[in-house]
Amino acid sequence: MNENVKAHLQQLEESHLQSEVKSSSKKLAQILANDFQEIGSSGILINKAMCLEGGVDLDEMSLHNYQVEQLAPDVVLATYYVMNHSKERNTLRSSIWKYIDGRWQLSFHQGTITNLSLEEIKKSLVRPIRNVATSEITEIKASR
């Protein structure tokens, strides 16, 4: 995976956590793909129209431990940890980004509440990776 693409996707992930973007239907519409779906940390299913019409939580959040895995030439899985400072809870997040119409768009997102601290997440030394072409599973050491 090209490091510039990873940095760009991380910037997009961080931008959609910011109140300025979350409160703007126009800015959210640029990030979310037309087929966007989310399984929220509350368990509620959300689509693009719901985000644009009803808005999203304006909590103060910070993103940590950003990882990406390329699933196809134009599809990337991103996983990361979010500290929600407003609700004082942490979540593990996953996003699927697709390169559509000349730009990366968020197609799927899921948040799962966790009791793990950021320090515990960073101490995870081994991460299993599945090669989608061969289905072979290998373990790599996570970078800190």
Protein backbone atom coordinates (compact mmCIF):
# COMPACT_ATOMS: atom_id res chain seq x y z
CA MET A 1 0.00 0.00 0.00
CA ASN A 2 1.30 3.42 -0.95
CA GLU A 3 2.08 5.48 2.19
CA ASN A 4 0.56 8.58 0.54
CA VAL A 5 -2.76 6.74 0.13
CA LYS A 6 -2.62 5.58 3.77
CA ALA A 7 -1.93 9.15 4.95
CA HIS A 8 -4.75 10.51 2.77
CA LEU A 9 -7.24 7.93 4.09
CA GLN A 10 -6.21 8.66 7.68
CA GLN A 11 -6.78 12.36 7.03
CA LEU A 12 -10.25 11.56 5.65
CA GLU A 13 -11.03 9.37 8.70
CA GLU A 14 -9.90 12.12 11.06
CA SER A 15 -11.86 14.77 9.16
CA HIS A 16 -15.15 12.90 9.48
CA LEU A 17 -14.60 12.77 13.27
CA GLN A 18 -14.40 16.59 13.44
CA SER A 19 -17.48 18.64 14.37
CA GLU A 20 -16.91 20.98 11.40
CA VAL A 21 -17.36 18.09 8.96
CA LYS A 22 -19.97 16.15 10.94
CA SER A 23 -22.21 19.20 11.13
CA SER A 24 -22.01 19.91 7.38
CA SER A 25 -24.21 17.81 5.08
CA LYS A 26 -22.21 19.08 2.10
CA LYS A 27 -18.86 17.96 3.58
CA LEU A 28 -20.26 14.62 4.75
CA ALA A 29 -21.77 14.01 1.29
CA GLN A 30 -18.28 14.33 -0.21
CA ILE A 31 -16.85 11.67 2.13
CA LEU A 32 -19.71 9.15 2.22
CA ALA A 33 -20.29 6.89 -0.80
CA ASN A 34 -23.84 6.67 -2.10
CA ASP A 35 -24.03 3.06 -0.82
CA PHE A 36 -22.66 4.03 2.63
CA GLN A 37 -23.81 1.93 5.57
CA GLU A 38 -22.77 2.04 9.20
CA ILE A 39 -23.30 -0.24 12.14
CA GLY A 40 -22.98 2.22 14.99
CA SER A 41 -21.48 1.40 18.36
CA SER A 42 -25.09 1.55 19.61
CA GLY A 43 -26.02 -1.27 17.20
CA ILE A 44 -28.17 1.03 15.06
CA LEU A 45 -27.94 0.67 11.26
CA ILE A 46 -27.35 3.98 9.47
CA ASN A 47 -27.14 4.91 5.78
CA LYS A 48 -25.95 8.01 3.93
CA ALA A 49 -29.38 9.66 3.77
CA MET A 50 -29.82 9.26 7.53
CA CYS A 51 -26.43 10.88 8.18
CA LEU A 52 -27.18 13.81 5.87
CA GLU A 53 -30.76 14.40 7.06
CA GLY A 54 -30.48 13.63 10.77
CA GLY A 55 -26.88 14.57 11.37
CA VAL A 56 -24.35 12.66 13.40
CA ASP A 57 -23.05 12.88 16.96
CA LEU A 58 -20.86 15.93 17.53
CA ASP A 59 -18.75 14.28 20.22
CA GLU A 60 -15.10 15.22 20.69
CA MET A 61 -13.01 12.24 19.51
CA SER A 62 -9.41 11.35 18.77
CA LEU A 63 -8.17 8.61 16.42
CA HIS A 64 -5.27 6.27 17.28
CA ASN A 65 -3.43 3.19 15.95
CA TYR A 66 -4.54 3.64 12.33
CA GLN A 67 -3.92 0.55 10.16
CA VAL A 68 -4.86 -0.17 6.55
CA GLU A 69 -5.08 -3.33 4.48
CA GLN A 70 -5.64 -3.23 0.74
CA LEU A 71 -8.42 -5.65 -0.20
CA ALA A 72 -8.41 -4.85 -3.93
CA PRO A 73 -6.77 -2.16 -6.10
CA ASP A 74 -9.62 0.25 -5.32
CA VAL A 75 -10.80 -1.06 -1.91
CA VAL A 76 -9.12 -0.57 1.48
CA LEU A 77 -9.99 -1.76 4.99
CA ALA A 78 -8.98 0.66 7.73
CA THR A 79 -9.01 -0.25 11.42
CA TYR A 80 -8.33 2.05 14.34
CA TYR A 81 -9.10 3.00 17.93
CA VAL A 82 -11.17 6.05 18.92
CA MET A 83 -11.23 7.76 22.27
CA ASN A 84 -14.58 9.53 22.69
CA HIS A 85 -13.79 12.32 25.12
CA SER A 86 -17.41 13.52 25.30
CA LYS A 87 -18.91 10.15 26.28
CA GLU A 88 -15.77 8.93 28.06
CA ARG A 89 -15.70 5.63 26.18
CA ASN A 90 -13.48 3.93 23.63
CA THR A 91 -14.33 2.14 20.42
CA LEU A 92 -12.62 -0.10 17.91
CA ARG A 93 -13.49 1.08 14.40
CA SER A 94 -13.36 -0.39 10.92
CA SER A 95 -14.02 1.36 7.63
CA ILE A 96 -14.10 0.20 4.04
CA TRP A 97 -12.98 2.87 1.60
CA LYS A 98 -13.59 2.57 -2.16
CA TYR A 99 -11.98 4.61 -4.92
CA ILE A 100 -15.04 5.85 -6.84
CA ASP A 101 -15.24 8.63 -9.45
CA GLY A 102 -11.62 9.66 -8.92
CA ARG A 103 -11.67 9.92 -5.10
CA TRP A 104 -11.76 7.77 -1.97
CA GLN A 105 -15.24 7.43 -0.47
CA LEU A 106 -16.37 5.79 2.76
CA SER A 107 -18.59 2.83 1.89
CA PHE A 108 -18.91 1.02 5.23
CA HIS A 109 -18.14 1.83 8.85
CA GLN A 110 -18.55 -0.01 12.15
CA GLY A 111 -17.81 0.98 15.73
CA THR A 112 -17.60 -1.45 18.64
CA ILE A 113 -17.36 -0.26 22.23
CA THR A 114 -14.32 -1.67 24.03
CA ASN A 115 -12.97 -1.64 27.56
CA LEU A 116 -9.40 -1.89 26.21
CA SER A 117 -7.19 1.13 26.82
CA LEU A 118 -5.02 2.69 24.13
CA GLU A 119 -1.96 1.27 25.91
CA GLU A 120 -3.41 -2.25 25.73
CA ILE A 121 -4.13 -1.82 22.02
CA LYS A 122 -0.58 -0.63 21.35
CA LYS A 123 0.87 -3.61 23.25
CA SER A 124 -0.73 -6.03 20.76
CA LEU A 125 2.37 -7.33 19.02
CA VAL A 126 0.91 -9.80 16.54
CA ARG A 127 -1.76 -9.08 13.98
CA PRO A 128 -3.10 -11.88 11.73
CA ILE A 129 -3.28 -10.96 8.06
CA ARG A 130 -5.13 -12.97 5.41
CA ASN A 131 -3.88 -12.78 1.85
CA VAL A 132 -7.15 -12.32 -0.06
CA ALA A 133 -5.66 -13.84 -3.22
CA THR A 134 -4.45 -17.08 -1.61
CA SER A 135 -6.45 -17.16 1.67
CA GLU A 136 -3.13 -17.87 3.43
CA ILE A 137 -2.94 -16.48 6.98
CA THR A 138 0.30 -15.04 8.30
CA GLU A 139 1.18 -13.11 11.41
CA ILE A 140 3.05 -9.84 11.32
CA LYS A 141 4.37 -7.75 14.16
CA ALA A 142 2.36 -4.59 14.54
CA SER A 143 4.38 -1.38 14.35
CA ARG A 144 4.25 0.82 17.40
